[in-house]
Amino acid sequence: MNRREFGSGLGVIVIGRLLPAAPTGSLDERLTGAGVAPGDRLPTEIAGVRLVDSDVAKRATALAREACPPYLFNHSLRTYLFGALVGRSEARRYDEELLFLACILHDLGLTERFMGPMPFEIQGAEAAARFLKDQGVSTERAAVVWDGIAMHPLPIADHKQPEIALVSAGAGADVLGPDPSQVTAAVRNQIVQAFPRLGFKKAFVKGCADVVRRYPRGATRSFMRDVGERHVPGFQPPNICDAIDRAPFTE
């Protein structure tokens, strides 16, 4: 998967159902079950990647689980796992907590609770920044999370620091499929077993279309515009040529 394709707006995202995890036993044993309740614990590690369990990470996970439908919550967790694996394959050094926070909160702008008139990635970044401020996270660290969320559907993300670039890489891998040279099929399957997709493709596109239908001016040139043009009747995205024509200048 060329992650620049995701940043260019050629994406959709996946749905999963979270399975309860036991603190001991093999991976296969931990992945058995059917469904998860709000109080169930997440696995501590999947495919060799540790799920960050600092206090603020736990609270961010609780917020994402509360706000996101299960398919979107699972996608957020898979985004972190894939992003971490891409970072490992590229020998990148990054702050695990910052990457986890950005990934677990990166789609808040697609949720009923946090969607609004701005592009979904900005809505989500703003919501995440407010949450982190309330949790006492420093302005500097919250700014990295803001950037990771706000840039994740855009090509610029790939040129930023790892904590930002790997949010986009992880989301793109989950939407379009990971590069097999970075994530093997066996590892990919472990991640999907742990956090199933739950018919993600259709659910994600429908969820995005619902946001575009309610807030059409928020569908910028990310994949949200693609969804709007194909799935929202009457959708007419703003065009810069019209804005130039209306500019208050004589030629």
C-alpha atoms as a PDB file:
ATOM      1  CA  MET A   1       0.000   0.000   0.000  1.00  0.00           C
ATOM      2  CA  ASN A   2       1.353   3.373  -0.972  1.00  0.00           C
ATOM      3  CA  ARG A   3       0.319   5.504   1.970  1.00  0.00           C
ATOM      4  CA  ARG A   4       0.452   8.631  -0.162  1.00  0.00           C
ATOM      5  CA  GLU A   5      -2.659   7.254  -1.854  1.00  0.00           C
ATOM      6  CA  PHE A   6      -4.475   7.594   1.454  1.00  0.00           C
ATOM      7  CA  GLY A   7      -3.271  11.156   1.861  1.00  0.00           C
ATOM      8  CA  SER A   8      -4.502  11.919  -1.635  1.00  0.00           C
ATOM      9  CA  GLY A   9      -8.024  10.945  -0.649  1.00  0.00           C
ATOM     10  CA  LEU A  10      -8.286   7.425  -2.057  1.00  0.00           C
ATOM     11  CA  GLY A  11      -9.489   5.809   1.115  1.00  0.00           C
ATOM     12  CA  VAL A  12     -12.211   4.279   3.133  1.00  0.00           C
ATOM     13  CA  ILE A  13     -11.942   2.807   6.609  1.00  0.00           C
ATOM     14  CA  VAL A  14     -12.725  -0.405   8.422  1.00  0.00           C
ATOM     15  CA  ILE A  15     -15.125  -1.694  11.057  1.00  0.00           C
ATOM     16  CA  GLY A  16     -14.318  -4.009  13.860  1.00  0.00           C
ATOM     17  CA  ARG A  17     -15.797  -5.615  16.905  1.00  0.00           C
ATOM     18  CA  LEU A  18     -13.637  -5.680  19.986  1.00  0.00           C
ATOM     19  CA  LEU A  19     -13.079  -8.991  21.711  1.00  0.00           C
ATOM     20  CA  PRO A  20     -12.492  -9.334  25.456  1.00  0.00           C
ATOM     21  CA  ALA A  21      -8.916 -10.101  26.405  1.00  0.00           C
ATOM     22  CA  ALA A  22      -7.698 -12.227  29.268  1.00  0.00           C
ATOM     23  CA  PRO A  23      -4.503 -11.119  30.987  1.00  0.00           C
ATOM     24  CA  THR A  24      -2.840 -14.517  30.527  1.00  0.00           C
ATOM     25  CA  GLY A  25      -2.799 -17.311  27.944  1.00  0.00           C
ATOM     26  CA  SER A  26      -1.799 -17.573  24.333  1.00  0.00           C
ATOM     27  CA  LEU A  27      -2.810 -15.050  21.707  1.00  0.00           C
ATOM     28  CA  ASP A  28      -5.330 -17.492  20.259  1.00  0.00           C
ATOM     29  CA  GLU A  29      -6.852 -18.023  23.702  1.00  0.00           C
ATOM     30  CA  ARG A  30      -7.073 -14.298  24.304  1.00  0.00           C
ATOM     31  CA  LEU A  31      -8.787 -13.702  20.967  1.00  0.00           C
ATOM     32  CA  THR A  32     -11.689 -16.061  21.568  1.00  0.00           C
ATOM     33  CA  GLY A  33     -14.998 -14.558  22.632  1.00  0.00           C
ATOM     34  CA  ALA A  34     -17.820 -12.586  21.104  1.00  0.00           C
ATOM     35  CA  GLY A  35     -18.129  -8.948  21.875  1.00  0.00           C
ATOM     36  CA  VAL A  36     -16.887  -6.526  24.454  1.00  0.00           C
ATOM     37  CA  ALA A  37     -18.497  -4.556  27.239  1.00  0.00           C
ATOM     38  CA  PRO A  38     -17.416  -1.015  28.135  1.00  0.00           C
ATOM     39  CA  GLY A  39     -15.490  -2.251  31.165  1.00  0.00           C
ATOM     40  CA  ASP A  40     -13.576  -5.023  29.421  1.00  0.00           C
ATOM     41  CA  ARG A  41      -9.820  -4.690  29.299  1.00  0.00           C
ATOM     42  CA  LEU A  42      -7.845  -4.516  26.093  1.00  0.00           C
ATOM     43  CA  PRO A  43      -4.974  -6.895  25.387  1.00  0.00           C
ATOM     44  CA  THR A  44      -1.624  -5.672  26.627  1.00  0.00           C
ATOM     45  CA  GLU A  45       0.173  -6.615  23.408  1.00  0.00           C
ATOM     46  CA  ILE A  46      -0.759  -7.605  19.858  1.00  0.00           C
ATOM     47  CA  ALA A  47       1.670  -8.778  17.156  1.00  0.00           C
ATOM     48  CA  GLY A  48       4.613  -7.742  19.310  1.00  0.00           C
ATOM     49  CA  VAL A  49       3.294  -4.192  19.800  1.00  0.00           C
ATOM     50  CA  ARG A  50       2.468  -3.039  23.310  1.00  0.00           C
ATOM     51  CA  LEU A  51      -0.752  -1.100  23.745  1.00  0.00           C
ATOM     52  CA  VAL A  52       0.129   2.006  25.734  1.00  0.00           C
ATOM     53  CA  ASP A  53      -1.494   1.907  29.174  1.00  0.00           C
ATOM     54  CA  SER A  54      -0.481   5.168  30.824  1.00  0.00           C
ATOM     55  CA  ASP A  55      -3.217   6.968  32.743  1.00  0.00           C
ATOM     56  CA  VAL A  56      -3.911   9.463  29.959  1.00  0.00           C
ATOM     57  CA  ALA A  57      -3.867   6.679  27.350  1.00  0.00           C
ATOM     58  CA  LYS A  58      -6.446   4.746  29.354  1.00  0.00           C
ATOM     59  CA  ARG A  59      -8.665   7.814  29.613  1.00  0.00           C
ATOM     60  CA  ALA A  60      -8.281   8.537  25.902  1.00  0.00           C
ATOM     61  CA  THR A  61      -9.214   4.944  25.123  1.00  0.00           C
ATOM     62  CA  ALA A  62     -12.287   5.273  27.325  1.00  0.00           C
ATOM     63  CA  LEU A  63     -13.301   8.445  25.477  1.00  0.00           C
ATOM     64  CA  ALA A  64     -12.840   6.788  22.073  1.00  0.00           C
ATOM     65  CA  ARG A  65     -14.782   3.714  23.154  1.00  0.00           C
ATOM     66  CA  GLU A  66     -17.614   5.914  24.420  1.00  0.00           C
ATOM     67  CA  ALA A  67     -17.764   8.191  21.375  1.00  0.00           C
ATOM     68  CA  CYS A  68     -17.016   5.813  18.510  1.00  0.00           C
ATOM     69  CA  PRO A  69     -19.187   3.027  17.128  1.00  0.00           C
ATOM     70  CA  PRO A  70     -17.372  -0.309  17.565  1.00  0.00           C
ATOM     71  CA  TYR A  71     -16.105  -0.463  13.968  1.00  0.00           C
ATOM     72  CA  LEU A  72     -14.490   2.946  14.309  1.00  0.00           C
ATOM     73  CA  PHE A  73     -13.047   2.200  17.739  1.00  0.00           C
ATOM     74  CA  ASN A  74     -11.448  -0.977  16.415  1.00  0.00           C
ATOM     75  CA  HIS A  75     -10.116   0.925  13.420  1.00  0.00           C
ATOM     76  CA  SER A  76      -8.452   3.397  15.775  1.00  0.00           C
ATOM     77  CA  LEU A  77      -6.687   0.589  17.611  1.00  0.00           C
ATOM     78  CA  ARG A  78      -5.631  -1.080  14.377  1.00  0.00           C
ATOM     79  CA  THR A  79      -4.332   2.282  13.166  1.00  0.00           C
ATOM     80  CA  TYR A  80      -1.959   2.392  16.134  1.00  0.00           C
ATOM     81  CA  LEU A  81      -0.801  -1.187  15.650  1.00  0.00           C
ATOM     82  CA  PHE A  82      -0.174  -0.786  11.936  1.00  0.00           C
ATOM     83  CA  GLY A  83       1.458   2.614  12.460  1.00  0.00           C
ATOM     84  CA  ALA A  84       3.788   1.191  15.094  1.00  0.00           C
ATOM     85  CA  LEU A  85       4.738  -1.700  12.823  1.00  0.00           C
ATOM     86  CA  VAL A  86       5.433   0.650   9.909  1.00  0.00           C
ATOM     87  CA  GLY A  87       7.588   2.749  12.216  1.00  0.00           C
ATOM     88  CA  ARG A  88       9.459  -0.350  13.353  1.00  0.00           C
ATOM     89  CA  SER A  89      10.042  -1.491   9.765  1.00  0.00           C
ATOM     90  CA  GLU A  90      11.487   1.932   8.914  1.00  0.00           C
ATOM     91  CA  ALA A  91      13.603   2.067  12.086  1.00  0.00           C
ATOM     92  CA  ARG A  92      11.865   5.247  13.206  1.00  0.00           C
ATOM     93  CA  ARG A  93      12.127   6.415  16.789  1.00  0.00           C
ATOM     94  CA  TYR A  94       8.924   7.874  18.191  1.00  0.00           C
ATOM     95  CA  ASP A  95       7.067   8.618  21.402  1.00  0.00           C
ATOM     96  CA  GLU A  96       4.738   5.651  21.874  1.00  0.00           C
ATOM     97  CA  GLU A  97       2.278   7.546  24.049  1.00  0.00           C
ATOM     98  CA  LEU A  98       1.923  10.446  21.606  1.00  0.00           C
ATOM     99  CA  LEU A  99       1.417   8.080  18.677  1.00  0.00           C
ATOM    100  CA  PHE A 100      -1.149   6.073  20.628  1.00  0.00           C
ATOM    101  CA  LEU A 101      -3.079   9.171  21.697  1.00  0.00           C
ATOM    102  CA  ALA A 102      -3.200  10.521  18.149  1.00  0.00           C
ATOM    103  CA  CYS A 103      -4.295   7.160  16.733  1.00  0.00           C
ATOM    104  CA  ILE A 104      -6.944   6.298  19.311  1.00  0.00           C
ATOM    105  CA  LEU A 105      -8.505   9.774  18.956  1.00  0.00           C
ATOM    106  CA  HIS A 106      -7.908  10.374  15.236  1.00  0.00           C
ATOM    107  CA  ASP A 107     -11.499   9.831  14.042  1.00  0.00           C
ATOM    108  CA  LEU A 108     -13.426  11.647  16.761  1.00  0.00           C
ATOM    109  CA  GLY A 109     -14.575  14.088  14.083  1.00  0.00           C
ATOM    110  CA  LEU A 110     -16.594  11.309  12.448  1.00  0.00           C
ATOM    111  CA  THR A 111     -18.607  10.631  15.594  1.00  0.00           C
ATOM    112  CA  GLU A 112     -22.035  11.947  16.542  1.00  0.00           C
ATOM    113  CA  ARG A 113     -20.543  13.556  19.627  1.00  0.00           C
ATOM    114  CA  PHE A 114     -17.778  15.531  17.937  1.00  0.00           C
ATOM    115  CA  MET A 115     -18.696  16.027  14.262  1.00  0.00           C
ATOM    116  CA  GLY A 116     -19.287  19.590  13.092  1.00  0.00           C
ATOM    117  CA  PRO A 117     -18.939  22.151  10.295  1.00  0.00           C
ATOM    118  CA  MET A 118     -15.158  22.018   9.995  1.00  0.00           C
ATOM    119  CA  PRO A 119     -13.398  19.196   8.127  1.00  0.00           C
ATOM    120  CA  PHE A 120     -13.662  16.054  10.224  1.00  0.00           C
ATOM    121  CA  GLU A 121      -9.923  15.902  10.833  1.00  0.00           C
ATOM    122  CA  ILE A 122      -9.970  19.430  12.305  1.00  0.00           C
ATOM    123  CA  GLN A 123     -13.073  18.700  14.366  1.00  0.00           C
ATOM    124  CA  GLY A 124     -11.331  15.652  15.765  1.00  0.00           C
ATOM    125  CA  ALA A 125      -8.044  17.443  16.393  1.00  0.00           C
ATOM    126  CA  GLU A 126      -9.828  20.198  18.297  1.00  0.00           C
ATOM    127  CA  ALA A 127     -11.784  17.701  20.384  1.00  0.00           C
ATOM    128  CA  ALA A 128      -8.625  15.759  21.189  1.00  0.00           C
ATOM    129  CA  ALA A 129      -6.730  18.920  22.141  1.00  0.00           C
ATOM    130  CA  ARG A 130      -9.501  20.007  24.523  1.00  0.00           C
ATOM    131  CA  PHE A 131      -9.535  16.559  26.101  1.00  0.00           C
ATOM    132  CA  LEU A 132      -5.755  16.478  26.546  1.00  0.00           C
ATOM    133  CA  LYS A 133      -5.732  19.965  28.044  1.00  0.00           C
ATOM    134  CA  ASP A 134      -8.331  18.829  30.585  1.00  0.00           C
ATOM    135  CA  GLN A 135      -6.075  15.868  31.400  1.00  0.00           C
ATOM    136  CA  GLY A 136      -3.130  18.135  32.136  1.00  0.00           C
ATOM    137  CA  VAL A 137      -1.112  17.204  29.053  1.00  0.00           C
ATOM    138  CA  SER A 138       1.376  19.905  28.114  1.00  0.00           C
ATOM    139  CA  THR A 139       0.613  22.282  25.272  1.00  0.00           C
ATOM    140  CA  GLU A 140       3.637  21.010  23.345  1.00  0.00           C
ATOM    141  CA  ARG A 141       2.609  17.359  23.528  1.00  0.00           C
ATOM    142  CA  ALA A 142      -1.038  18.117  22.778  1.00  0.00           C
ATOM    143  CA  ALA A 143       0.108  20.065  19.698  1.00  0.00           C
ATOM    144  CA  VAL A 144       1.784  16.958  18.291  1.00  0.00           C
ATOM    145  CA  VAL A 145      -1.426  14.977  18.746  1.00  0.00           C
ATOM    146  CA  TRP A 146      -3.388  17.801  17.114  1.00  0.00           C
ATOM    147  CA  ASP A 147      -1.090  17.734  14.109  1.00  0.00           C
ATOM    148  CA  GLY A 148      -1.215  13.946  13.855  1.00  0.00           C
ATOM    149  CA  ILE A 149      -5.015  13.989  13.733  1.00  0.00           C
ATOM    150  CA  ALA A 150      -5.417  17.086  11.571  1.00  0.00           C
ATOM    151  CA  MET A 151      -2.909  15.909   8.966  1.00  0.00           C
ATOM    152  CA  HIS A 152      -3.661  12.195   8.852  1.00  0.00           C
ATOM    153  CA  PRO A 153      -5.735  12.240   5.616  1.00  0.00           C
ATOM    154  CA  LEU A 154      -3.321  14.617   3.858  1.00  0.00           C
ATOM    155  CA  PRO A 155      -0.099  13.990   1.904  1.00  0.00           C
ATOM    156  CA  ILE A 156       1.818  16.437   4.113  1.00  0.00           C
ATOM    157  CA  ALA A 157       1.644  14.005   7.037  1.00  0.00           C
ATOM    158  CA  ASP A 158       4.203  11.723   5.426  1.00  0.00           C
ATOM    159  CA  HIS A 159       6.779  14.520   5.611  1.00  0.00           C
ATOM    160  CA  LYS A 160       6.335  15.289   9.302  1.00  0.00           C
ATOM    161  CA  GLN A 161       7.864  13.800  12.445  1.00  0.00           C
ATOM    162  CA  PRO A 162       7.136  10.108  13.171  1.00  0.00           C
ATOM    163  CA  GLU A 163       4.404  10.718  15.744  1.00  0.00           C
ATOM    164  CA  ILE A 164       2.478  12.542  12.999  1.00  0.00           C
ATOM    165  CA  ALA A 165       3.484  10.556   9.921  1.00  0.00           C
ATOM    166  CA  LEU A 166       2.712   7.174  11.480  1.00  0.00           C
ATOM    167  CA  VAL A 167      -0.910   8.104  12.242  1.00  0.00           C
ATOM    168  CA  SER A 168      -1.447   8.546   8.514  1.00  0.00           C
ATOM    169  CA  ALA A 169       0.591   5.440   7.730  1.00  0.00           C
ATOM    170  CA  GLY A 170      -1.399   3.330  10.178  1.00  0.00           C
ATOM    171  CA  ALA A 171      -4.782   4.600   9.037  1.00  0.00           C
ATOM    172  CA  GLY A 172      -3.810   4.127   5.404  1.00  0.00           C
ATOM    173  CA  ALA A 173      -2.630   0.580   6.075  1.00  0.00           C
ATOM    174  CA  ASP A 174      -5.939  -0.266   7.709  1.00  0.00           C
ATOM    175  CA  VAL A 175      -7.977   1.319   4.930  1.00  0.00           C
ATOM    176  CA  LEU A 176      -6.073   0.170   1.858  1.00  0.00           C
ATOM    177  CA  GLY A 177      -4.028  -2.699   3.236  1.00  0.00           C
ATOM    178  CA  PRO A 178      -0.478  -2.632   4.612  1.00  0.00           C
ATOM    179  CA  ASP A 179       2.658  -2.960   2.530  1.00  0.00           C
ATOM    180  CA  PRO A 180       3.522  -6.690   2.842  1.00  0.00           C
ATOM    181  CA  SER A 181       7.209  -5.809   3.072  1.00  0.00           C
ATOM    182  CA  GLN A 182       6.405  -3.964   6.305  1.00  0.00           C
ATOM    183  CA  VAL A 183       3.546  -6.028   7.739  1.00  0.00           C
ATOM    184  CA  THR A 184       3.301  -9.704   6.841  1.00  0.00           C
ATOM    185  CA  ALA A 185      -0.039 -11.359   6.142  1.00  0.00           C
ATOM    186  CA  ALA A 186       0.284 -13.381   9.347  1.00  0.00           C
ATOM    187  CA  VAL A 187       0.804 -10.262  11.469  1.00  0.00           C
ATOM    188  CA  ARG A 188      -2.008  -8.438   9.653  1.00  0.00           C
ATOM    189  CA  ASN A 189      -4.328 -11.337  10.444  1.00  0.00           C
ATOM    190  CA  GLN A 190      -3.362 -11.259  14.125  1.00  0.00           C
ATOM    191  CA  ILE A 191      -4.331  -7.604  14.300  1.00  0.00           C
ATOM    192  CA  VAL A 192      -7.651  -8.145  12.513  1.00  0.00           C
ATOM    193  CA  GLN A 193      -8.405 -11.133  14.757  1.00  0.00           C
ATOM    194  CA  ALA A 194      -7.796  -9.006  17.828  1.00  0.00           C
ATOM    195  CA  PHE A 195      -9.850  -6.050  16.567  1.00  0.00           C
ATOM    196  CA  PRO A 196     -12.159  -7.338  13.790  1.00  0.00           C
ATOM    197  CA  ARG A 197     -13.251  -5.157  10.924  1.00  0.00           C
ATOM    198  CA  LEU A 198     -16.977  -5.866  11.295  1.00  0.00           C
ATOM    199  CA  GLY A 199     -17.892  -4.981   7.722  1.00  0.00           C
ATOM    200  CA  PHE A 200     -15.814  -1.833   7.978  1.00  0.00           C
ATOM    201  CA  LYS A 201     -15.808  -0.832   4.331  1.00  0.00           C
ATOM    202  CA  LYS A 202     -19.540  -0.235   4.000  1.00  0.00           C
ATOM    203  CA  ALA A 203     -19.951   1.112   7.516  1.00  0.00           C
ATOM    204  CA  PHE A 204     -17.104   3.572   7.177  1.00  0.00           C
ATOM    205  CA  VAL A 205     -18.287   4.942   3.839  1.00  0.00           C
ATOM    206  CA  LYS A 206     -21.820   5.279   5.198  1.00  0.00           C
ATOM    207  CA  GLY A 207     -20.550   7.057   8.298  1.00  0.00           C
ATOM    208  CA  CYS A 208     -18.479   9.477   6.239  1.00  0.00           C
ATOM    209  CA  ALA A 209     -21.405  10.121   3.893  1.00  0.00           C
ATOM    210  CA  ASP A 210     -23.619  10.920   6.878  1.00  0.00           C
ATOM    211  CA  VAL A 211     -21.103  13.531   8.044  1.00  0.00           C
ATOM    212  CA  VAL A 212     -20.855  15.063   4.547  1.00  0.00           C
ATOM    213  CA  ARG A 213     -24.646  15.143   4.252  1.00  0.00           C
ATOM    214  CA  ARG A 214     -24.940  17.078   7.504  1.00  0.00           C
ATOM    215  CA  TYR A 215     -21.863  19.267   7.086  1.00  0.00           C
ATOM    216  CA  PRO A 216     -21.110  19.481   3.346  1.00  0.00           C
ATOM    217  CA  ARG A 217     -18.713  22.406   3.661  1.00  0.00           C
ATOM    218  CA  GLY A 218     -16.478  20.271   5.842  1.00  0.00           C
ATOM    219  CA  ALA A 219     -15.773  17.854   2.970  1.00  0.00           C
ATOM    220  CA  THR A 220     -12.421  19.128   1.781  1.00  0.00           C
ATOM    221  CA  ARG A 221     -10.123  17.513  -0.749  1.00  0.00           C
ATOM    222  CA  SER A 222      -9.440  14.528   1.490  1.00  0.00           C
ATOM    223  CA  PHE A 223     -11.261  11.240   0.966  1.00  0.00           C
ATOM    224  CA  MET A 224     -14.383  12.866   2.431  1.00  0.00           C
ATOM    225  CA  ARG A 225     -14.880  14.739  -0.831  1.00  0.00           C
ATOM    226  CA  ASP A 226     -14.678  11.453  -2.752  1.00  0.00           C
ATOM    227  CA  VAL A 227     -17.327   9.955  -0.459  1.00  0.00           C
ATOM    228  CA  GLY A 228     -19.570  13.000  -0.848  1.00  0.00           C
ATOM    229  CA  GLU A 229     -19.366  13.023  -4.638  1.00  0.00           C
ATOM    230  CA  ARG A 230     -20.294   9.363  -4.872  1.00  0.00           C
ATOM    231  CA  HIS A 231     -22.713   8.830  -1.998  1.00  0.00           C
ATOM    232  CA  VAL A 232     -24.416  12.161  -1.184  1.00  0.00           C
ATOM    233  CA  PRO A 233     -26.986  13.272  -3.786  1.00  0.00           C
ATOM    234  CA  GLY A 234     -26.749  16.965  -4.618  1.00  0.00           C
ATOM    235  CA  PHE A 235     -23.345  17.360  -2.986  1.00  0.00           C
ATOM    236  CA  GLN A 236     -21.486  20.289  -4.553  1.00  0.00           C
ATOM    237  CA  PRO A 237     -18.125  20.942  -2.945  1.00  0.00           C
ATOM    238  CA  PRO A 238     -16.780  24.497  -2.891  1.00  0.00           C
ATOM    239  CA  ASN A 239     -14.487  25.355  -5.779  1.00  0.00           C
ATOM    240  CA  ILE A 240     -11.632  27.842  -5.487  1.00  0.00           C
ATOM    241  CA  CYS A 241     -12.454  29.242  -8.934  1.00  0.00           C
ATOM    242  CA  ASP A 242     -15.810  30.510  -7.611  1.00  0.00           C
ATOM    243  CA  ALA A 243     -14.108  32.140  -4.642  1.00  0.00           C
ATOM    244  CA  ILE A 244     -11.608  33.852  -6.928  1.00  0.00           C
ATOM    245  CA  ASP A 245     -14.427  35.177  -9.118  1.00  0.00           C
ATOM    246  CA  ARG A 246     -16.140  36.672  -6.052  1.00  0.00           C
ATOM    247  CA  ALA A 247     -13.005  38.368  -4.725  1.00  0.00           C
ATOM    248  CA  PRO A 248     -13.667  42.118  -4.244  1.00  0.00           C
ATOM    249  CA  PHE A 249     -11.105  43.340  -6.763  1.00  0.00           C
ATOM    250  CA  THR A 250     -11.372  44.895 -10.224  1.00  0.00           C
ATOM    251  CA  GLU A 251      -9.133  43.572 -12.965  1.00  0.00           C
END
